[in-house]
Protein backbone atom coordinates (compact mmCIF):
# COMPACT_ATOMS: atom_id res chain seq x y z
CA MET A 1 106.17 -156.46 -125.39
CA ASN A 2 107.96 -156.87 -128.70
CA SER A 3 105.37 -156.39 -131.42
CA ARG A 4 107.71 -157.08 -134.35
CA LEU A 5 107.64 -160.84 -133.96
CA PRO A 6 104.80 -162.13 -136.20
CA THR A 7 102.12 -164.33 -134.66
CA PRO A 8 101.49 -166.55 -136.45
CA PHE A 9 104.37 -166.09 -138.89
CA ARG A 10 103.16 -165.06 -142.33
CA GLY A 11 105.02 -165.85 -145.52
CA LEU A 12 107.17 -168.54 -143.92
CA ARG A 13 107.45 -170.65 -147.07
CA ARG A 14 108.35 -167.63 -149.18
CA ARG A 15 111.12 -166.59 -146.83
CA LEU A 16 112.51 -170.10 -146.50
CA ALA A 17 112.49 -170.44 -150.25
CA GLU A 18 114.47 -167.24 -150.76
CA ARG A 19 117.80 -168.17 -152.22
CA ALA A 20 121.13 -167.01 -150.89
CA ALA A 21 124.51 -167.62 -152.41
CA GLU A 22 126.09 -170.71 -150.87
CA SER A 23 129.47 -169.00 -150.73
CA ASP A 24 128.02 -165.95 -148.93
CA ILE A 25 126.38 -168.08 -146.26
CA TRP A 26 129.53 -170.13 -145.71
CA ASP A 27 131.64 -166.97 -145.47
CA ALA A 28 129.25 -165.81 -142.73
CA VAL A 29 129.68 -169.10 -140.88
CA GLN A 30 133.47 -168.81 -141.04
CA LEU A 31 133.38 -165.21 -139.83
CA ALA A 32 131.16 -166.12 -136.88
CA ARG A 33 133.70 -168.79 -135.90
CA ASP A 34 136.78 -166.56 -136.25
CA ASP A 35 138.93 -167.18 -133.17
CA GLY A 36 139.77 -163.48 -132.95
CA ARG A 37 136.19 -162.50 -132.12
CA PRO A 38 135.53 -161.28 -128.57
CA TYR A 39 134.33 -163.96 -126.18
CA THR A 40 132.22 -163.58 -123.04
CA LEU A 41 135.14 -162.65 -120.77
CA ASP A 42 136.29 -160.06 -123.31
CA TYR A 43 132.88 -158.39 -123.27
CA ALA A 44 132.80 -158.59 -119.48
CA GLU A 45 136.14 -156.78 -119.39
CA TRP A 46 134.96 -153.96 -121.65
CA LEU A 47 131.36 -153.63 -120.44
CA VAL A 48 131.36 -154.37 -116.71
CA ASP A 49 133.02 -152.70 -113.75
CA ASP A 50 133.81 -154.50 -110.49
CA TRP A 51 133.53 -157.89 -112.20
CA ILE A 52 133.36 -160.86 -109.84
CA GLU A 53 133.42 -164.26 -111.51
CA VAL A 54 131.26 -166.91 -109.87
CA HIS A 55 132.63 -170.44 -110.02
CA GLY A 56 131.12 -173.85 -109.51
CA ASP A 57 127.71 -175.50 -109.41
CA ARG A 58 127.68 -176.07 -105.63
CA ALA A 59 127.90 -179.79 -106.32
CA GLY A 60 131.64 -180.15 -106.66
CA THR A 61 132.34 -179.17 -110.28
CA ASP A 62 133.16 -176.02 -112.23
CA ASP A 63 132.49 -176.36 -115.95
CA HIS A 64 134.93 -173.99 -117.68
CA ALA A 65 132.91 -173.87 -120.91
CA ILE A 66 130.44 -171.56 -119.17
CA VAL A 67 131.52 -168.47 -117.26
CA THR A 68 129.28 -166.59 -114.85
CA GLY A 69 129.66 -163.50 -112.74
CA ILE A 70 128.28 -160.28 -111.30
CA GLY A 71 129.28 -156.72 -112.14
CA SER A 72 128.18 -153.16 -112.69
CA PHE A 73 126.93 -152.27 -116.17
CA ARG A 74 126.25 -148.56 -116.72
CA GLY A 75 124.84 -148.05 -113.27
CA ARG A 76 123.06 -151.41 -112.99
CA THR A 77 124.25 -154.51 -111.21
CA ILE A 78 123.80 -157.40 -113.63
CA ALA A 79 124.55 -161.10 -113.77
CA ILE A 80 126.34 -162.45 -116.83
CA VAL A 81 126.25 -166.06 -118.01
CA GLY A 82 128.07 -167.00 -121.21
CA HIS A 83 130.04 -169.55 -123.18
CA GLN A 84 133.82 -169.28 -123.37
CA LYS A 85 135.66 -171.07 -126.19
CA GLY A 86 139.35 -170.29 -125.74
CA ARG A 87 141.86 -169.04 -128.33
CA ASP A 88 144.84 -171.41 -128.39
CA LEU A 89 144.71 -175.19 -128.24
CA LYS A 90 145.52 -175.36 -124.52
CA GLU A 91 142.76 -172.91 -123.58
CA ARG A 92 140.29 -174.51 -125.96
CA ALA A 93 140.86 -177.88 -124.32
CA TYR A 94 140.44 -176.24 -120.90
CA ARG A 95 137.18 -174.64 -122.04
CA ASN A 96 136.07 -177.78 -123.92
CA PHE A 97 135.71 -175.61 -127.05
CA GLY A 98 132.78 -173.80 -125.45
CA MET A 99 130.67 -176.96 -125.22
CA ALA A 100 129.13 -177.18 -121.78
CA GLN A 101 128.29 -180.35 -119.87
CA PRO A 102 125.27 -180.71 -117.55
CA GLN A 103 127.35 -179.26 -114.70
CA GLY A 104 127.78 -176.07 -116.72
CA TYR A 105 124.04 -175.58 -117.02
CA ALA A 106 123.68 -176.28 -113.30
CA LYS A 107 126.20 -173.50 -112.74
CA ALA A 108 124.14 -171.21 -114.98
CA ARG A 109 120.95 -172.04 -113.08
CA ARG A 110 122.69 -171.27 -109.82
CA VAL A 111 123.46 -167.75 -111.06
CA PHE A 112 119.97 -167.31 -112.55
CA ALA A 113 118.51 -168.11 -109.13
CA LEU A 114 120.94 -165.74 -107.41
CA ALA A 115 120.10 -162.89 -109.80
CA ASP A 116 116.37 -163.48 -109.41
CA ARG A 117 116.66 -163.46 -105.62
CA LEU A 118 118.67 -160.20 -105.59
CA GLY A 119 116.80 -158.48 -108.41
CA PHE A 120 119.72 -158.30 -110.88
CA PRO A 121 118.97 -158.34 -114.63
CA VAL A 122 120.50 -161.32 -116.45
CA VAL A 123 122.58 -160.93 -119.63
CA THR A 124 123.69 -164.09 -121.42
CA MET A 125 126.39 -164.39 -124.11
CA ILE A 126 125.85 -167.26 -126.58
CA ASP A 127 128.87 -168.67 -128.44
CA THR A 128 128.97 -172.45 -128.75
CA PRO A 129 128.86 -175.13 -131.44
CA GLY A 130 126.42 -176.92 -129.13
CA ALA A 131 126.22 -178.70 -125.80
CA TYR A 132 128.94 -181.33 -125.29
CA PRO A 133 127.78 -184.54 -127.04
CA GLY A 134 130.03 -187.01 -125.19
CA VAL A 135 128.77 -190.19 -123.59
CA GLU A 136 129.55 -188.95 -120.08
CA ALA A 137 127.44 -185.83 -120.65
CA GLU A 138 124.51 -187.93 -121.86
CA GLN A 139 124.87 -190.24 -118.88
CA ALA A 140 124.79 -187.19 -116.58
CA GLY A 141 121.51 -186.00 -118.11
CA GLN A 142 122.50 -183.46 -120.78
CA ALA A 143 119.02 -183.12 -122.29
CA ALA A 144 117.40 -182.64 -118.90
CA ALA A 145 120.04 -180.07 -117.91
CA ILE A 146 119.32 -178.03 -121.04
CA ALA A 147 115.57 -178.25 -120.46
CA GLN A 148 115.93 -177.22 -116.80
CA SER A 149 118.04 -174.23 -117.80
CA MET A 150 115.44 -173.13 -120.36
CA LEU A 151 112.66 -173.55 -117.79
CA ALA A 152 114.62 -171.55 -115.21
CA MET A 153 115.00 -168.67 -117.67
CA THR A 154 111.30 -168.82 -118.54
CA ARG A 155 110.40 -168.33 -114.87
CA LEU A 156 112.78 -165.49 -114.03
CA ARG A 157 111.14 -162.34 -112.72
CA VAL A 158 114.08 -160.10 -113.59
CA PRO A 159 114.75 -158.62 -117.06
CA THR A 160 116.73 -160.93 -119.33
CA VAL A 161 118.75 -160.23 -122.47
CA ALA A 162 120.45 -162.93 -124.55
CA CYS A 163 123.22 -161.99 -126.99
CA VAL A 164 124.41 -164.27 -129.80
CA ILE A 165 128.01 -163.09 -130.07
CA GLY A 166 129.50 -165.74 -132.36
CA GLU A 167 128.21 -169.24 -132.96
CA GLY A 168 124.81 -170.09 -131.54
CA GLY A 169 124.47 -173.82 -131.96
CA SER A 170 121.63 -176.17 -131.01
CA GLY A 171 120.29 -176.73 -127.49
CA GLY A 172 123.62 -175.66 -126.04
CA ALA A 173 122.79 -172.14 -127.19
CA LEU A 174 119.08 -172.19 -126.43
CA ALA A 175 119.77 -173.34 -122.87
CA ILE A 176 120.83 -169.78 -122.04
CA GLY A 177 118.83 -168.06 -124.76
CA VAL A 178 115.24 -167.91 -123.47
CA ALA A 179 115.21 -164.17 -122.79
CA ASP A 180 112.91 -161.16 -122.98
CA ARG A 181 115.09 -159.77 -125.79
CA VAL A 182 117.41 -161.77 -128.01
CA LEU A 183 120.16 -159.75 -129.68
CA MET A 184 122.36 -161.10 -132.45
CA LEU A 185 125.60 -159.61 -133.67
CA GLU A 186 125.69 -158.84 -137.37
CA HIS A 187 128.27 -161.48 -138.23
CA SER A 188 127.13 -164.24 -135.88
CA ILE A 189 125.08 -167.37 -136.66
CA TYR A 190 122.22 -169.10 -134.86
CA SER A 191 120.82 -172.50 -135.78
CA VAL A 192 119.27 -175.70 -134.48
CA ILE A 193 122.33 -177.69 -135.57
CA SER A 194 125.77 -177.00 -136.96
CA PRO A 195 126.24 -177.20 -140.74
CA GLU A 196 128.56 -180.17 -140.21
CA GLY A 197 126.01 -181.98 -138.06
CA CYS A 198 123.23 -181.32 -140.54
CA ALA A 199 125.37 -182.56 -143.45
CA SER A 200 126.30 -185.72 -141.54
CA ILE A 201 122.64 -186.51 -140.92
CA LEU A 202 121.14 -185.62 -144.30
CA TRP A 203 123.92 -186.63 -146.65
CA ARG A 204 126.16 -188.71 -144.36
CA ASP A 205 128.94 -186.52 -145.64
CA VAL A 206 130.41 -183.66 -143.61
CA ASN A 207 131.79 -182.18 -146.83
CA GLN A 208 128.24 -181.12 -147.68
CA ARG A 209 128.35 -178.55 -144.87
CA ARG A 210 128.23 -175.60 -147.28
CA LYS A 211 125.04 -176.93 -148.85
CA ALA A 212 123.54 -177.51 -145.39
CA ALA A 213 124.35 -173.98 -144.23
CA ALA A 214 122.88 -172.47 -147.40
CA ALA A 215 119.69 -174.51 -146.83
CA PHE A 216 118.94 -173.41 -143.27
CA LYS A 217 120.50 -169.92 -143.44
CA PRO A 218 121.83 -169.38 -139.90
CA THR A 219 122.85 -165.75 -140.47
CA ALA A 220 121.62 -162.74 -138.51
CA ARG A 221 119.56 -161.45 -141.41
CA PHE A 222 117.52 -164.61 -141.82
CA SER A 223 117.27 -165.20 -138.06
CA TYR A 224 115.76 -161.73 -137.70
CA GLU A 225 113.37 -162.14 -140.63
CA LEU A 226 112.16 -165.46 -139.25
CA GLY A 227 111.48 -163.85 -135.87
CA VAL A 228 114.06 -165.93 -134.00
CA VAL A 229 115.90 -162.84 -132.73
CA ASP A 230 114.61 -159.39 -131.85
CA THR A 231 117.51 -157.16 -132.86
CA VAL A 232 120.57 -157.39 -135.08
CA VAL A 233 123.48 -155.45 -133.58
CA GLY A 234 126.03 -153.92 -135.94
CA GLU A 235 129.74 -154.71 -135.72
CA PRO A 236 132.85 -152.72 -136.62
CA SER A 237 133.80 -152.84 -140.30
CA GLY A 238 135.12 -156.30 -141.09
CA GLY A 239 133.74 -157.89 -137.92
CA ALA A 240 133.97 -157.71 -134.15
CA HIS A 241 137.44 -159.26 -134.18
CA LYS A 242 138.79 -156.13 -135.86
CA ASP A 243 138.05 -153.87 -132.88
CA HIS A 244 137.04 -155.47 -129.59
CA GLU A 245 136.50 -152.17 -127.79
CA ARG A 246 134.16 -150.75 -130.42
CA ALA A 247 132.31 -154.05 -130.77
CA ALA A 248 131.75 -154.10 -127.00
CA ARG A 249 130.54 -150.50 -127.05
CA MET A 250 128.04 -151.26 -129.81
CA LEU A 251 126.76 -154.37 -128.04
CA GLY A 252 126.63 -152.48 -124.73
CA ASP A 253 124.49 -149.77 -126.29
CA ALA A 254 122.05 -152.39 -127.57
CA ILE A 255 121.93 -154.16 -124.18
CA GLY A 256 121.27 -150.82 -122.46
CA VAL A 257 118.36 -150.02 -124.79
CA ALA A 258 116.92 -153.51 -124.31
CA LEU A 259 117.12 -153.35 -120.51
CA ASP A 260 115.49 -149.92 -120.43
CA SER A 261 112.62 -151.25 -122.53
CA ILE A 262 112.19 -154.43 -120.52
CA GLU A 263 112.34 -152.73 -117.12
CA ALA A 264 109.43 -150.50 -118.13
CA GLU A 265 107.16 -153.57 -118.37
CA PRO A 266 105.27 -154.94 -115.36
CA VAL A 267 106.86 -158.16 -114.11
CA GLU A 268 103.98 -160.54 -114.88
CA GLN A 269 103.40 -158.97 -118.29
CA ARG A 270 107.11 -159.39 -119.01
CA ARG A 271 107.12 -163.06 -118.05
CA ALA A 272 103.97 -163.75 -120.08
CA ALA A 273 105.41 -161.98 -123.12
CA ARG A 274 108.69 -163.90 -122.84
CA ARG A 275 106.89 -167.18 -122.73
CA ALA A 276 104.50 -166.27 -125.57
CA LYS A 277 107.36 -165.13 -127.81
CA PHE A 278 109.04 -168.51 -127.78
CA ARG A 279 105.75 -170.42 -128.11
CA ARG A 280 104.95 -168.45 -131.26
CA MET A 281 108.04 -169.76 -133.02
CA GLY A 282 107.01 -172.54 -135.33
CA VAL A 283 103.45 -171.28 -135.71
CA TRP A 284 102.42 -170.14 -139.19
CA LEU A 285 99.41 -169.67 -141.45
CA GLU A 286 98.65 -172.09 -144.27
CA ASP A 287 95.63 -171.26 -146.38
CA GLY A 288 94.42 -169.00 -143.60
CA VAL A 289 94.58 -171.76 -140.99
CA VAL A 290 96.93 -171.67 -138.01
CA VAL A 291 99.38 -174.57 -138.23
CA GLY A 292 101.83 -175.73 -135.57
CA GLU A 293 100.09 -174.20 -132.57
CA LYS A 294 99.98 -176.41 -129.52
CA GLU A 295 96.55 -177.37 -128.28
CA HIS A 296 97.40 -177.29 -124.61
CA ASP A 297 99.52 -175.10 -122.41
CA HIS A 298 101.35 -175.84 -119.17
CA GLU A 299 101.76 -173.57 -116.23
CA LEU A 300 105.34 -172.31 -116.04
CA ALA A 301 104.73 -169.35 -113.80
CA ALA A 302 105.86 -170.96 -110.55
CA PRO A 303 108.94 -169.37 -108.96
CA ALA A 304 112.25 -170.88 -110.01
CA PRO A 305 113.55 -173.25 -107.35
CA ALA A 306 116.58 -172.06 -105.42
CA GLU A 307 119.80 -173.81 -106.33
């Protein structure tokens, strides 16, 4: 079990009040979004042997914003589920800019179920501005699809590692982020909403995005200090886009360490710790009193339904 994550979180107000230069935060956002950074398929190429991509949700669609597959990682067979953005305009349109629709999360759940059935650890790669917000996605049950994906990850019996490799935005990121260990690359970001979305809501002005980003501090440093992620993984000098091979090697080392640690835990202890970790987020002490803790709990330990 990861003992670093505070329960409840102490000093929350102090940490949130800590100031960071607006320009520094925005530079971090821009670096996380750099289109030269490695994407999921790049990491799969460098980290996994005998890669077999798995397509489709078994219901007639194949959402290209999420890629899934099976391969050999340093002697282990693992399943990989991740976002794929695309580099040029044509590929970005094909990948829907990494914004998955409900069918993409159904595809992810299919692979989660397959991995759980066969005993393969699951590694996810998070890199999305958020789930697709279009009307058709909402009509198809986007919110429910995200919730079902999160629930499926909560119930998995196999070790799970989530990696924020670029832009971790909103429920689209969290849908494949409920893992035993959450790793975050040094120059990536992770937040409940994009800076542009936050600015549009609070100030009704997307040009206030720098102010929004500085307010909620989506960088790896603050995400780690707030207990949202377990480990910050270093990148090559200047960022992962400068050296894909070295970036993959550094991330692979961190994934290997995480899997070794997780596999040493008994299955039920692992599942309970995973669930408790995410329930602790948002709990803090105020004048010595626990605030934000839910009064009731729900049983999530039932096996994940087969897709």
